[in-house]
Amino acid sequence: QVQLVESGGGLVQAGGSLRLSCAASGLTFRHYAMGWFRQAPGKEREFVAGIRWDGGTTFYADSVKGRFTISRDNVENKVYLQMNSLGPEDTAVYYCAARPWYSDYNPKSYDYWGQGTQVTVSS
């Protein structure tokens, strides 16, 4: 049974930082690309960042480029999202997701999802 469990969310002031983690189990983690998505109230789920199965390629939504960094540890079976210079527009539930080998912007192409972690940025 595949499980993705996010952690690290919380309440932070504008300009602050958070580091999200996603622990994976039940799959051969090194065979999967990982993505971070977010969903704000009343909005569709949107792509935030993605990383290839080996960590060799990363890409980001324009809205977070230069502020967020995705990374992974294929020994610990974890993926991370370092978020800096947070603003109220970053408030959302953040999800990690897995799909084979190469990451993608489209959430429908992901096979597995975590339950999400809430990030709230106060102004």
PDB file of N, CA and C in Angstrom:
ATOM      1  N   GLN A   1       0.845  -1.181   0.000  1.00  0.00           N
ATOM      2  CA  GLN A   1       0.000   0.000   0.000  1.00  0.00           C
ATOM      3  C   GLN A   1       0.889   1.243   0.000  1.00  0.00           C
ATOM      4  N   VAL A   2       0.674   2.072  -1.008  1.00  0.00           N
ATOM      5  CA  VAL A   2       1.479   3.276  -1.132  1.00  0.00           C
ATOM      6  C   VAL A   2       0.951   4.344  -0.182  1.00  0.00           C
ATOM      7  N   GLN A   3       1.886   4.977   0.512  1.00  0.00           N
ATOM      8  CA  GLN A   3       1.531   6.094   1.386  1.00  0.00           C
ATOM      9  C   GLN A   3       2.487   7.243   1.158  1.00  0.00           C
ATOM     10  N   LEU A   4       1.927   8.431   1.040  1.00  0.00           N
ATOM     11  CA  LEU A   4       2.690   9.668   1.011  1.00  0.00           C
ATOM     12  C   LEU A   4       2.173  10.517   2.164  1.00  0.00           C
ATOM     13  N   VAL A   5       3.074  10.908   3.043  1.00  0.00           N
ATOM     14  CA  VAL A   5       2.672  11.640   4.238  1.00  0.00           C
ATOM     15  C   VAL A   5       3.440  12.947   4.305  1.00  0.00           C
ATOM     16  N   GLU A   6       2.700  14.046   4.178  1.00  0.00           N
ATOM     17  CA  GLU A   6       3.314  15.369   4.253  1.00  0.00           C
ATOM     18  C   GLU A   6       3.385  15.851   5.694  1.00  0.00           C
ATOM     19  N   SER A   7       4.357  16.702   5.946  1.00  0.00           N
ATOM     20  CA  SER A   7       4.486  17.343   7.250  1.00  0.00           C
ATOM     21  C   SER A   7       5.222  18.664   7.072  1.00  0.00           C
ATOM     22  N   GLY A   8       5.183  19.485   8.115  1.00  0.00           N
ATOM     23  CA  GLY A   8       5.947  20.731   8.100  1.00  0.00           C
ATOM     24  C   GLY A   8       5.138  21.975   7.857  1.00  0.00           C
ATOM     25  N   GLY A   9       3.847  21.820   7.576  1.00  0.00           N
ATOM     26  CA  GLY A   9       3.017  22.995   7.376  1.00  0.00           C
ATOM     27  C   GLY A   9       2.775  23.735   8.685  1.00  0.00           C
ATOM     28  N   GLY A  10       2.154  24.888   8.567  1.00  0.00           N
ATOM     29  CA  GLY A  10       1.856  25.666   9.756  1.00  0.00           C
ATOM     30  C   GLY A  10       1.546  27.102   9.418  1.00  0.00           C
ATOM     31  N   LEU A  11       1.557  27.922  10.461  1.00  0.00           N
ATOM     32  CA  LEU A  11       1.278  29.352  10.326  1.00  0.00           C
ATOM     33  C   LEU A  11       2.600  30.114  10.380  1.00  0.00           C
ATOM     34  N   VAL A  12       2.804  31.002   9.431  1.00  0.00           N
ATOM     35  CA  VAL A  12       4.044  31.772   9.376  1.00  0.00           C
ATOM     36  C   VAL A  12       3.706  33.189   8.918  1.00  0.00           C
ATOM     37  N   GLN A  13       4.506  34.139   9.352  1.00  0.00           N
ATOM     38  CA  GLN A  13       4.307  35.516   8.925  1.00  0.00           C
ATOM     39  C   GLN A  13       4.883  35.735   7.530  1.00  0.00           C
ATOM     40  N   ALA A  14       4.332  36.709   6.849  1.00  0.00           N
ATOM     41  CA  ALA A  14       4.847  37.052   5.531  1.00  0.00           C
ATOM     42  C   ALA A  14       6.343  37.338   5.615  1.00  0.00           C
ATOM     43  N   GLY A  15       7.064  36.824   4.629  1.00  0.00           N
ATOM     44  CA  GLY A  15       8.512  36.956   4.614  1.00  0.00           C
ATOM     45  C   GLY A  15       9.240  35.802   5.264  1.00  0.00           C
ATOM     46  N   GLY A  16       8.497  34.947   5.938  1.00  0.00           N
ATOM     47  CA  GLY A  16       9.099  33.824   6.634  1.00  0.00           C
ATOM     48  C   GLY A  16       9.325  32.624   5.729  1.00  0.00           C
ATOM     49  N   SER A  17       9.766  31.537   6.354  1.00  0.00           N
ATOM     50  CA  SER A  17      10.112  30.311   5.635  1.00  0.00           C
ATOM     51  C   SER A  17       9.480  29.100   6.306  1.00  0.00           C
ATOM     52  N   LEU A  18       9.255  28.093   5.502  1.00  0.00           N
ATOM     53  CA  LEU A  18       8.833  26.781   5.990  1.00  0.00           C
ATOM     54  C   LEU A  18       9.503  25.723   5.123  1.00  0.00           C
ATOM     55  N   ARG A  19       9.688  24.544   5.713  1.00  0.00           N
ATOM     56  CA  ARG A  19      10.198  23.410   4.952  1.00  0.00           C
ATOM     57  C   ARG A  19       9.200  22.273   5.079  1.00  0.00           C
ATOM     58  N   LEU A  20       8.618  21.898   3.960  1.00  0.00           N
ATOM     59  CA  LEU A  20       7.696  20.772   3.924  1.00  0.00           C
ATOM     60  C   LEU A  20       8.461  19.492   3.620  1.00  0.00           C
ATOM     61  N   SER A  21       7.987  18.409   4.206  1.00  0.00           N
ATOM     62  CA  SER A  21       8.547  17.091   3.940  1.00  0.00           C
ATOM     63  C   SER A  21       7.434  16.163   3.498  1.00  0.00           C
ATOM     64  N   CYS A  22       7.798  15.185   2.711  1.00  0.00           N
ATOM     65  CA  CYS A  22       6.860  14.146   2.291  1.00  0.00           C
ATOM     66  C   CYS A  22       7.588  12.821   2.371  1.00  0.00           C
ATOM     67  N   ALA A  23       7.093  11.940   3.219  1.00  0.00           N
ATOM     68  CA  ALA A  23       7.691  10.619   3.392  1.00  0.00           C
ATOM     69  C   ALA A  23       6.895   9.600   2.596  1.00  0.00           C
ATOM     70  N   ALA A  24       7.592   8.827   1.780  1.00  0.00           N
ATOM     71  CA  ALA A  24       6.945   7.850   0.915  1.00  0.00           C
ATOM     72  C   ALA A  24       7.226   6.437   1.395  1.00  0.00           C
ATOM     73  N   SER A  25       6.233   5.573   1.263  1.00  0.00           N
ATOM     74  CA  SER A  25       6.402   4.159   1.570  1.00  0.00           C
ATOM     75  C   SER A  25       5.508   3.343   0.647  1.00  0.00           C
ATOM     76  N   GLY A  26       5.865   2.056   0.494  1.00  0.00           N
ATOM     77  CA  GLY A  26       5.044   1.165  -0.318  1.00  0.00           C
ATOM     78  C   GLY A  26       5.301   1.250  -1.809  1.00  0.00           C
ATOM     79  N   LEU A  27       6.332   1.987  -2.220  1.00  0.00           N
ATOM     80  CA  LEU A  27       6.692   2.076  -3.629  1.00  0.00           C
ATOM     81  C   LEU A  27       8.210   2.161  -3.733  1.00  0.00           C
ATOM     82  N   THR A  28       8.716   1.837  -4.918  1.00  0.00           N
ATOM     83  CA  THR A  28      10.155   1.968  -5.157  1.00  0.00           C
ATOM     84  C   THR A  28      10.421   3.439  -5.451  1.00  0.00           C
ATOM     85  N   PHE A  29      10.745   4.164  -4.407  1.00  0.00           N
ATOM     86  CA  PHE A  29      10.755   5.621  -4.460  1.00  0.00           C
ATOM     87  C   PHE A  29      11.664   6.140  -5.570  1.00  0.00           C
ATOM     88  N   ARG A  30      12.808   5.509  -5.757  1.00  0.00           N
ATOM     89  CA  ARG A  30      13.780   6.014  -6.730  1.00  0.00           C
ATOM     90  C   ARG A  30      13.283   5.860  -8.165  1.00  0.00           C
ATOM     91  N   HIS A  31      12.167   5.177  -8.372  1.00  0.00           N
ATOM     92  CA  HIS A  31      11.580   5.015  -9.700  1.00  0.00           C
ATOM     93  C   HIS A  31      10.500   6.056  -9.995  1.00  0.00           C
ATOM     94  N   TYR A  32      10.284   6.941  -9.039  1.00  0.00           N
ATOM     95  CA  TYR A  32       9.187   7.882  -9.164  1.00  0.00           C
ATOM     96  C   TYR A  32       9.669   9.327  -9.132  1.00  0.00           C
ATOM     97  N   ALA A  33       9.134  10.109 -10.049  1.00  0.00           N
ATOM     98  CA  ALA A  33       9.249  11.554  -9.937  1.00  0.00           C
ATOM     99  C   ALA A  33       8.262  12.033  -8.884  1.00  0.00           C
ATOM    100  N   MET A  34       8.586  13.155  -8.287  1.00  0.00           N
ATOM    101  CA  MET A  34       7.732  13.710  -7.243  1.00  0.00           C
ATOM    102  C   MET A  34       7.339  15.133  -7.591  1.00  0.00           C
ATOM    103  N   GLY A  35       6.145  15.471  -7.205  1.00  0.00           N
ATOM    104  CA  GLY A  35       5.677  16.832  -7.418  1.00  0.00           C
ATOM    105  C   GLY A  35       5.041  17.383  -6.157  1.00  0.00           C
ATOM    106  N   TRP A  36       5.121  18.686  -6.040  1.00  0.00           N
ATOM    107  CA  TRP A  36       4.369  19.405  -5.000  1.00  0.00           C
ATOM    108  C   TRP A  36       3.288  20.236  -5.701  1.00  0.00           C
ATOM    109  N   PHE A  37       2.093  20.163  -5.157  1.00  0.00           N
ATOM    110  CA  PHE A  37       0.965  20.926  -5.647  1.00  0.00           C
ATOM    111  C   PHE A  37       0.347  21.669  -4.474  1.00  0.00           C
ATOM    112  N   ARG A  38      -0.495  22.637  -4.770  1.00  0.00           N
ATOM    113  CA  ARG A  38      -1.209  23.328  -3.708  1.00  0.00           C
ATOM    114  C   ARG A  38      -2.607  23.691  -4.178  1.00  0.00           C
ATOM    115  N   GLN A  39      -3.469  23.827  -3.201  1.00  0.00           N
ATOM    116  CA  GLN A  39      -4.852  24.186  -3.498  1.00  0.00           C
ATOM    117  C   GLN A  39      -5.344  25.160  -2.441  1.00  0.00           C
ATOM    118  N   ALA A  40      -5.694  26.336  -2.902  1.00  0.00           N
ATOM    119  CA  ALA A  40      -6.270  27.358  -2.026  1.00  0.00           C
ATOM    120  C   ALA A  40      -7.788  27.242  -2.074  1.00  0.00           C
ATOM    121  N   PRO A  41      -8.478  27.734  -1.049  1.00  0.00           N
ATOM    122  CA  PRO A  41      -9.946  27.649  -1.030  1.00  0.00           C
ATOM    123  C   PRO A  41     -10.560  28.275  -2.274  1.00  0.00           C
ATOM    124  N   GLY A  42     -11.457  27.523  -2.908  1.00  0.00           N
ATOM    125  CA  GLY A  42     -12.153  28.024  -4.077  1.00  0.00           C
ATOM    126  C   GLY A  42     -11.362  28.008  -5.359  1.00  0.00           C
ATOM    127  N   LYS A  43     -10.151  27.455  -5.308  1.00  0.00           N
ATOM    128  CA  LYS A  43      -9.294  27.422  -6.500  1.00  0.00           C
ATOM    129  C   LYS A  43      -8.952  25.994  -6.864  1.00  0.00           C
ATOM    130  N   GLU A  44      -8.522  25.819  -8.094  1.00  0.00           N
ATOM    131  CA  GLU A  44      -8.095  24.497  -8.542  1.00  0.00           C
ATOM    132  C   GLU A  44      -6.715  24.172  -7.988  1.00  0.00           C
ATOM    133  N   ARG A  45      -6.441  22.889  -7.924  1.00  0.00           N
ATOM    134  CA  ARG A  45      -5.117  22.446  -7.512  1.00  0.00           C
ATOM    135  C   ARG A  45      -4.101  22.869  -8.580  1.00  0.00           C
ATOM    136  N   GLU A  46      -2.992  23.426  -8.129  1.00  0.00           N
ATOM    137  CA  GLU A  46      -2.000  23.921  -9.082  1.00  0.00           C
ATOM    138  C   GLU A  46      -0.618  23.355  -8.787  1.00  0.00           C
ATOM    139  N   PHE A  47       0.139  23.194  -9.845  1.00  0.00           N
ATOM    140  CA  PHE A  47       1.504  22.702  -9.747  1.00  0.00           C
ATOM    141  C   PHE A  47       2.384  23.739  -9.071  1.00  0.00           C
ATOM    142  N   VAL A  48       3.281  23.270  -8.213  1.00  0.00           N
ATOM    143  CA  VAL A  48       4.235  24.146  -7.544  1.00  0.00           C
ATOM    144  C   VAL A  48       5.666  23.826  -7.982  1.00  0.00           C
ATOM    145  N   ALA A  49       6.049  22.555  -7.846  1.00  0.00           N
ATOM    146  CA  ALA A  49       7.421  22.159  -8.162  1.00  0.00           C
ATOM    147  C   ALA A  49       7.472  20.678  -8.456  1.00  0.00           C
ATOM    148  N   GLY A  50       8.458  20.271  -9.283  1.00  0.00           N
ATOM    149  CA  GLY A  50       8.618  18.873  -9.606  1.00  0.00           C
ATOM    150  C   GLY A  50      10.081  18.490  -9.647  1.00  0.00           C
ATOM    151  N   ILE A  51      10.349  17.211  -9.412  1.00  0.00           N
ATOM    152  CA  ILE A  51      11.720  16.721  -9.423  1.00  0.00           C
ATOM    153  C   ILE A  51      11.748  15.334 -10.039  1.00  0.00           C
ATOM    154  N   ARG A  52      12.728  15.115 -10.888  1.00  0.00           N
ATOM    155  CA  ARG A  52      12.875  13.836 -11.577  1.00  0.00           C
ATOM    156  C   ARG A  52      13.243  12.723 -10.622  1.00  0.00           C
ATOM    157  N   TRP A  53      13.130  11.501 -11.040  1.00  0.00           N
ATOM    158  CA  TRP A  53      13.356  10.340 -10.193  1.00  0.00           C
ATOM    159  C   TRP A  53      14.726  10.349  -9.521  1.00  0.00           C
ATOM    160  N   ASP A  54      15.722  10.885 -10.213  1.00  0.00           N
ATOM    161  CA  ASP A  54      17.078  10.888  -9.664  1.00  0.00           C
ATOM    162  C   ASP A  54      17.485  12.254  -9.124  1.00  0.00           C
ATOM    163  N   GLY A  55      16.554  13.175  -9.105  1.00  0.00           N
ATOM    164  CA  GLY A  55      16.878  14.525  -8.643  1.00  0.00           C
ATOM    165  C   GLY A  55      17.628  15.352  -9.652  1.00  0.00           C
ATOM    166  N   GLY A  56      17.821  14.819 -10.860  1.00  0.00           N
ATOM    167  CA  GLY A  56      18.644  15.483 -11.844  1.00  0.00           C
ATOM    168  C   GLY A  56      18.006  16.699 -12.476  1.00  0.00           C
ATOM    169  N   THR A  57      16.696  16.765 -12.465  1.00  0.00           N
ATOM    170  CA  THR A  57      15.982  17.899 -13.065  1.00  0.00           C
ATOM    171  C   THR A  57      14.901  18.366 -12.116  1.00  0.00           C
ATOM    172  N   THR A  58      14.821  19.666 -11.949  1.00  0.00           N
ATOM    173  CA  THR A  58      13.755  20.257 -11.161  1.00  0.00           C
ATOM    174  C   THR A  58      13.108  21.374 -11.977  1.00  0.00           C
ATOM    175  N   PHE A  59      11.840  21.620 -11.719  1.00  0.00           N
ATOM    176  CA  PHE A  59      11.204  22.771 -12.345  1.00  0.00           C
ATOM    177  C   PHE A  59      10.089  23.279 -11.448  1.00  0.00           C
ATOM    178  N   TYR A  60       9.732  24.538 -11.706  1.00  0.00           N
ATOM    179  CA  TYR A  60       8.881  25.269 -10.783  1.00  0.00           C
ATOM    180  C   TYR A  60       7.828  26.078 -11.518  1.00  0.00           C
ATOM    181  N   ALA A  61       6.737  26.317 -10.821  1.00  0.00           N
ATOM    182  CA  ALA A  61       5.772  27.296 -11.298  1.00  0.00           C
ATOM    183  C   ALA A  61       6.424  28.678 -11.256  1.00  0.00           C
ATOM    184  N   ASP A  62       6.046  29.523 -12.178  1.00  0.00           N
ATOM    185  CA  ASP A  62       6.624  30.872 -12.220  1.00  0.00           C
ATOM    186  C   ASP A  62       6.401  31.625 -10.915  1.00  0.00           C
ATOM    187  N   SER A  63       5.281  31.351 -10.271  1.00  0.00           N
ATOM    188  CA  SER A  63       4.919  32.093  -9.060  1.00  0.00           C
ATOM    189  C   SER A  63       5.830  31.800  -7.878  1.00  0.00           C
ATOM    190  N   VAL A  64       6.566  30.693  -7.938  1.00  0.00           N
ATOM    191  CA  VAL A  64       7.433  30.331  -6.804  1.00  0.00           C
ATOM    192  C   VAL A  64       8.906  30.275  -7.179  1.00  0.00           C
ATOM    193  N   LYS A  65       9.194  30.450  -8.443  1.00  0.00           N
ATOM    194  CA  LYS A  65      10.578  30.353  -8.913  1.00  0.00           C
ATOM    195  C   LYS A  65      11.450  31.363  -8.192  1.00  0.00           C
ATOM    196  N   GLY A  66      12.590  30.899  -7.697  1.00  0.00           N
ATOM    197  CA  GLY A  66      13.502  31.761  -6.958  1.00  0.00           C
ATOM    198  C   GLY A  66      13.203  31.843  -5.470  1.00  0.00           C
ATOM    199  N   ARG A  67      12.050  31.341  -5.051  1.00  0.00           N
ATOM    200  CA  ARG A  67      11.679  31.367  -3.632  1.00  0.00           C
ATOM    201  C   ARG A  67      11.598  29.960  -3.046  1.00  0.00           C
ATOM    202  N   PHE A  68      11.159  29.001  -3.848  1.00  0.00           N
ATOM    203  CA  PHE A  68      10.966  27.624  -3.383  1.00  0.00           C
ATOM    204  C   PHE A  68      12.036  26.728  -4.010  1.00  0.00           C
ATOM    205  N   THR A  69      12.423  25.692  -3.259  1.00  0.00           N
ATOM    206  CA  THR A  69      13.380  24.709  -3.748  1.00  0.00           C
ATOM    207  C   THR A  69      12.891  23.312  -3.410  1.00  0.00           C
ATOM    208  N   ILE A  70      12.801  22.476  -4.431  1.00  0.00           N
ATOM    209  CA  ILE A  70      12.428  21.076  -4.221  1.00  0.00           C
ATOM    210  C   ILE A  70      13.691  20.225  -4.215  1.00  0.00           C
ATOM    211  N   SER A  71      13.708  19.227  -3.349  1.00  0.00           N
ATOM    212  CA  SER A  71      14.838  18.305  -3.295  1.00  0.00           C
ATOM    213  C   SER A  71      14.324  16.946  -2.840  1.00  0.00           C
ATOM    214  N   ARG A  72      15.167  15.931  -2.967  1.00  0.00           N
ATOM    215  CA  ARG A  72      14.742  14.592  -2.572  1.00  0.00           C
ATOM    216  C   ARG A  72      15.914  13.816  -2.004  1.00  0.00           C
ATOM    217  N   ASP A  73      15.592  12.816  -1.219  1.00  0.00           N
ATOM    218  CA  ASP A  73      16.574  11.907  -0.638  1.00  0.00           C
ATOM    219  C   ASP A  73      16.106  10.491  -0.948  1.00  0.00           C
ATOM    220  N   ASN A  74      16.769   9.843  -1.893  1.00  0.00           N
ATOM    221  CA  ASN A  74      16.348   8.513  -2.320  1.00  0.00           C
ATOM    222  C   ASN A  74      16.808   7.406  -1.369  1.00  0.00           C
ATOM    223  N   VAL A  75      17.533   7.759  -0.347  1.00  0.00           N
ATOM    224  CA  VAL A  75      17.871   6.800   0.712  1.00  0.00           C
ATOM    225  C   VAL A  75      16.781   6.836   1.790  1.00  0.00           C
ATOM    226  N   GLU A  76      16.388   8.042   2.162  1.00  0.00           N
ATOM    227  CA  GLU A  76      15.350   8.211   3.188  1.00  0.00           C
ATOM    228  C   GLU A  76      13.941   8.142   2.612  1.00  0.00           C
ATOM    229  N   ASN A  77      13.815   8.101   1.282  1.00  0.00           N
ATOM    230  CA  ASN A  77      12.499   8.074   0.615  1.00  0.00           C
ATOM    231  C   ASN A  77      11.663   9.295   0.980  1.00  0.00           C
ATOM    232  N   LYS A  78      12.295  10.450   0.842  1.00  0.00           N
ATOM    233  CA  LYS A  78      11.604  11.685   1.177  1.00  0.00           C
ATOM    234  C   LYS A  78      11.816  12.735   0.083  1.00  0.00           C
ATOM    235  N   VAL A  79      10.850  13.603  -0.020  1.00  0.00           N
ATOM    236  CA  VAL A  79      10.963  14.778  -0.875  1.00  0.00           C
ATOM    237  C   VAL A  79      10.655  16.001  -0.019  1.00  0.00           C
ATOM    238  N   TYR A  80      11.336  17.090  -0.331  1.00  0.00           N
ATOM    239  CA  TYR A  80      11.226  18.291   0.479  1.00  0.00           C
ATOM    240  C   TYR A  80      10.839  19.481  -0.392  1.00  0.00           C
ATOM    241  N   LEU A  81      10.240  20.457   0.263  1.00  0.00           N
ATOM    242  CA  LEU A  81       9.978  21.730  -0.391  1.00  0.00           C
ATOM    243  C   LEU A  81      10.378  22.836   0.577  1.00  0.00           C
ATOM    244  N   GLN A  82      11.485  23.487   0.275  1.00  0.00           N
ATOM    245  CA  GLN A  82      11.919  24.628   1.064  1.00  0.00           C
ATOM    246  C   GLN A  82      11.250  25.876   0.504  1.00  0.00           C
ATOM    247  N   MET A  83      10.514  26.571   1.356  1.00  0.00           N
ATOM    248  CA  MET A  83       9.748  27.738   0.918  1.00  0.00           C
ATOM    249  C   MET A  83      10.253  28.973   1.661  1.00  0.00           C
ATOM    250  N   ASN A  84      10.771  29.921   0.908  1.00  0.00           N
ATOM    251  CA  ASN A  84      11.283  31.165   1.476  1.00  0.00           C
ATOM    252  C   ASN A  84      10.474  32.347   0.966  1.00  0.00           C
ATOM    253  N   SER A  85      10.618  33.460   1.652  1.00  0.00           N
ATOM    254  CA  SER A  85       9.930  34.701   1.259  1.00  0.00           C
ATOM    255  C   SER A  85       8.445  34.459   1.026  1.00  0.00           C
ATOM    256  N   LEU A  86       7.834  33.806   1.967  1.00  0.00           N
ATOM    257  CA  LEU A  86       6.420  33.459   1.828  1.00  0.00           C
ATOM    258  C   LEU A  86       5.541  34.692   1.890  1.00  0.00           C
ATOM    259  N   GLY A  87       4.472  34.655   1.121  1.00  0.00           N
ATOM    260  CA  GLY A  87       3.480  35.712   1.130  1.00  0.00           C
ATOM    261  C   GLY A  87       2.092  35.143   1.312  1.00  0.00           C
ATOM    262  N   PRO A  88       1.112  35.992   1.616  1.00  0.00           N
ATOM    263  CA  PRO A  88      -0.263  35.500   1.808  1.00  0.00           C
ATOM    264  C   PRO A  88      -0.782  34.712   0.605  1.00  0.00           C
ATOM    265  N   GLU A  89      -0.289  34.998  -0.576  1.00  0.00           N
ATOM    266  CA  GLU A  89      -0.733  34.285  -1.773  1.00  0.00           C
ATOM    267  C   GLU A  89      -0.270  32.832  -1.786  1.00  0.00           C
ATOM    268  N   ASP A  90       0.626  32.480  -0.917  1.00  0.00           N
ATOM    269  CA  ASP A  90       1.101  31.093  -0.811  1.00  0.00           C
ATOM    270  C   ASP A  90       0.247  30.253   0.135  1.00  0.00           C
ATOM    271  N   THR A  91      -0.717  30.865   0.772  1.00  0.00           N
ATOM    272  CA  THR A  91      -1.605  30.135   1.671  1.00  0.00           C
ATOM    273  C   THR A  91      -2.409  29.102   0.901  1.00  0.00           C
ATOM    274  N   ALA A  92      -2.320  27.849   1.322  1.00  0.00           N
ATOM    275  CA  ALA A  92      -2.990  26.758   0.623  1.00  0.00           C
ATOM    276  C   ALA A  92      -2.724  25.462   1.378  1.00  0.00           C
ATOM    277  N   VAL A  93      -3.432  24.416   0.955  1.00  0.00           N
ATOM    278  CA  VAL A  93      -3.059  23.068   1.357  1.00  0.00           C
ATOM    279  C   VAL A  93      -2.051  22.566   0.331  1.00  0.00           C
ATOM    280  N   TYR A  94      -0.926  22.071   0.826  1.00  0.00           N
ATOM    281  CA  TYR A  94       0.144  21.590  -0.038  1.00  0.00           C
ATOM    282  C   TYR A  94       0.149  20.067  -0.051  1.00  0.00           C
ATOM    283  N   TYR A  95       0.233  19.510  -1.256  1.00  0.00           N
ATOM    284  CA  TYR A  95       0.203  18.067  -1.458  1.00  0.00           C
ATOM    285  C   TYR A  95       1.476  17.616  -2.171  1.00  0.00           C
ATOM    286  N   CYS A  96       1.979  16.454  -1.781  1.00  0.00           N
ATOM    287  CA  CYS A  96       2.997  15.817  -2.598  1.00  0.00           C
ATOM    288  C   CYS A  96       2.333  14.696  -3.399  1.00  0.00           C
ATOM    289  N   ALA A  97       2.939  14.388  -4.533  1.00  0.00           N
ATOM    290  CA  ALA A  97       2.378  13.394  -5.430  1.00  0.00           C
ATOM    291  C   ALA A  97       3.504  12.679  -6.159  1.00  0.00           C
ATOM    292  N   ALA A  98       3.219  11.457  -6.616  1.00  0.00           N
ATOM    293  CA  ALA A  98       4.229  10.635  -7.273  1.00  0.00           C
ATOM    294  C   ALA A  98       3.720  10.118  -8.609  1.00  0.00           C
ATOM    295  N   ARG A  99       4.623  10.100  -9.572  1.00  0.00           N
ATOM    296  CA  ARG A  99       4.342   9.478 -10.866  1.00  0.00           C
ATOM    297  C   ARG A  99       5.645   8.880 -11.358  1.00  0.00           C
ATOM    298  N   PRO A 100       5.592   7.892 -12.249  1.00  0.00           N
ATOM    299  CA  PRO A 100       6.824   7.217 -12.660  1.00  0.00           C
ATOM    300  C   PRO A 100       7.814   8.136 -13.369  1.00  0.00           C
ATOM    301  N   TRP A 101       9.043   8.081 -12.934  1.00  0.00           N
ATOM    302  CA  TRP A 101      10.222   8.604 -13.582  1.00  0.00           C
ATOM    303  C   TRP A 101      10.300  10.117 -13.738  1.00  0.00           C
ATOM    304  N   TYR A 102       9.414  10.722 -14.542  1.00  0.00           N
ATOM    305  CA  TYR A 102       9.574  12.141 -14.883  1.00  0.00           C
ATOM    306  C   TYR A 102       8.388  12.950 -14.379  1.00  0.00           C
ATOM    307  N   SER A 103       8.698  14.100 -13.822  1.00  0.00           N
ATOM    308  CA  SER A 103       7.662  14.939 -13.255  1.00  0.00           C
ATOM    309  C   SER A 103       6.871  15.639 -14.355  1.00  0.00           C
ATOM    310  N   ASP A 104       5.765  16.242 -13.982  1.00  0.00           N
ATOM    311  CA  ASP A 104       4.843  16.830 -14.943  1.00  0.00           C
ATOM    312  C   ASP A 104       4.025  17.912 -14.251  1.00  0.00           C
ATOM    313  N   TYR A 105       3.549  18.870 -15.040  1.00  0.00           N
ATOM    314  CA  TYR A 105       2.730  19.936 -14.476  1.00  0.00           C
ATOM    315  C   TYR A 105       1.292  19.493 -14.187  1.00  0.00           C
ATOM    316  N   ASN A 106       0.850  18.481 -14.891  1.00  0.00           N
ATOM    317  CA  ASN A 106      -0.567  18.105 -14.846  1.00  0.00           C
ATOM    318  C   ASN A 106      -0.853  17.195 -13.658  1.00  0.00           C
ATOM    319  N   PRO A 107      -1.681  17.623 -12.719  1.00  0.00           N
ATOM    320  CA  PRO A 107      -1.962  16.780 -11.555  1.00  0.00           C
ATOM    321  C   PRO A 107      -2.638  15.463 -11.919  1.00  0.00           C
ATOM    322  N   LYS A 108      -3.333  15.425 -13.035  1.00  0.00           N
ATOM    323  CA  LYS A 108      -4.044  14.199 -13.418  1.00  0.00           C
ATOM    324  C   LYS A 108      -3.086  13.096 -13.833  1.00  0.00           C
ATOM    325  N   SER A 109      -1.835  13.433 -14.076  1.00  0.00           N
ATOM    326  CA  SER A 109      -0.868  12.431 -14.501  1.00  0.00           C
ATOM    327  C   SER A 109      -0.171  11.741 -13.332  1.00  0.00           C
ATOM    328  N   TYR A 110      -0.498  12.111 -12.099  1.00  0.00           N
ATOM    329  CA  TYR A 110       0.133  11.535 -10.922  1.00  0.00           C
ATOM    330  C   TYR A 110      -0.690  10.371 -10.384  1.00  0.00           C
ATOM    331  N   ASP A 111       0.016   9.343  -9.953  1.00  0.00           N
ATOM    332  CA  ASP A 111      -0.637   8.121  -9.506  1.00  0.00           C
ATOM    333  C   ASP A 111      -1.002   8.141  -8.024  1.00  0.00           C
ATOM    334  N   TYR A 112      -0.162   8.771  -7.225  1.00  0.00           N
ATOM    335  CA  TYR A 112      -0.349   8.708  -5.777  1.00  0.00           C
ATOM    336  C   TYR A 112      -0.282  10.112  -5.182  1.00  0.00           C
ATOM    337  N   TRP A 113      -1.082  10.305  -4.125  1.00  0.00           N
ATOM    338  CA  TRP A 113      -1.178  11.597  -3.474  1.00  0.00           C
ATOM    339  C   TRP A 113      -1.128  11.447  -1.961  1.00  0.00           C
ATOM    340  N   GLY A 114      -0.559  12.454  -1.319  1.00  0.00           N
ATOM    341  CA  GLY A 114      -0.649  12.538   0.123  1.00  0.00           C
ATOM    342  C   GLY A 114      -1.942  13.221   0.546  1.00  0.00           C
ATOM    343  N   GLN A 115      -2.109  13.340   1.851  1.00  0.00           N
ATOM    344  CA  GLN A 115      -3.342  13.918   2.391  1.00  0.00           C
ATOM    345  C   GLN A 115      -3.284  15.431   2.486  1.00  0.00           C
ATOM    346  N   GLY A 116      -2.098  15.996   2.346  1.00  0.00           N
ATOM    347  CA  GLY A 116      -1.951  17.441   2.358  1.00  0.00           C
ATOM    348  C   GLY A 116      -1.554  17.997   3.708  1.00  0.00           C
ATOM    349  N   THR A 117      -0.902  19.142   3.676  1.00  0.00           N
ATOM    350  CA  THR A 117      -0.542  19.868   4.890  1.00  0.00           C
ATOM    351  C   THR A 117      -0.857  21.344   4.660  1.00  0.00           C
ATOM    352  N   GLN A 118      -1.451  21.964   5.661  1.00  0.00           N
ATOM    353  CA  GLN A 118      -1.913  23.349   5.536  1.00  0.00           C
ATOM    354  C   GLN A 118      -0.752  24.312   5.766  1.00  0.00           C
ATOM    355  N   VAL A 119      -0.626  25.273   4.866  1.00  0.00           N
ATOM    356  CA  VAL A 119       0.314  26.379   5.026  1.00  0.00           C
ATOM    357  C   VAL A 119      -0.497  27.670   5.029  1.00  0.00           C
ATOM    358  N   THR A 120      -0.351  28.435   6.090  1.00  0.00           N
ATOM    359  CA  THR A 120      -1.055  29.707   6.211  1.00  0.00           C
ATOM    360  C   THR A 120      -0.032  30.811   6.441  1.00  0.00           C
ATOM    361  N   VAL A 121      -0.075  31.826   5.584  1.00  0.00           N
ATOM    362  CA  VAL A 121       0.861  32.941   5.689  1.00  0.00           C
ATOM    363  C   VAL A 121       0.074  34.191   6.046  1.00  0.00           C
ATOM    364  N   SER A 122       0.402  34.767   7.176  1.00  0.00           N
ATOM    365  CA  SER A 122      -0.299  35.968   7.627  1.00  0.00           C
ATOM    366  C   SER A 122       0.441  37.219   7.157  1.00  0.00           C
ATOM    367  N   SER A 123      -0.322  38.243   6.867  1.00  0.00           N
ATOM    368  CA  SER A 123       0.290  39.490   6.369  1.00  0.00           C
ATOM    369  C   SER A 123       0.641  40.429   7.508  1.00  0.00           C
TER     370      SER A 123
END
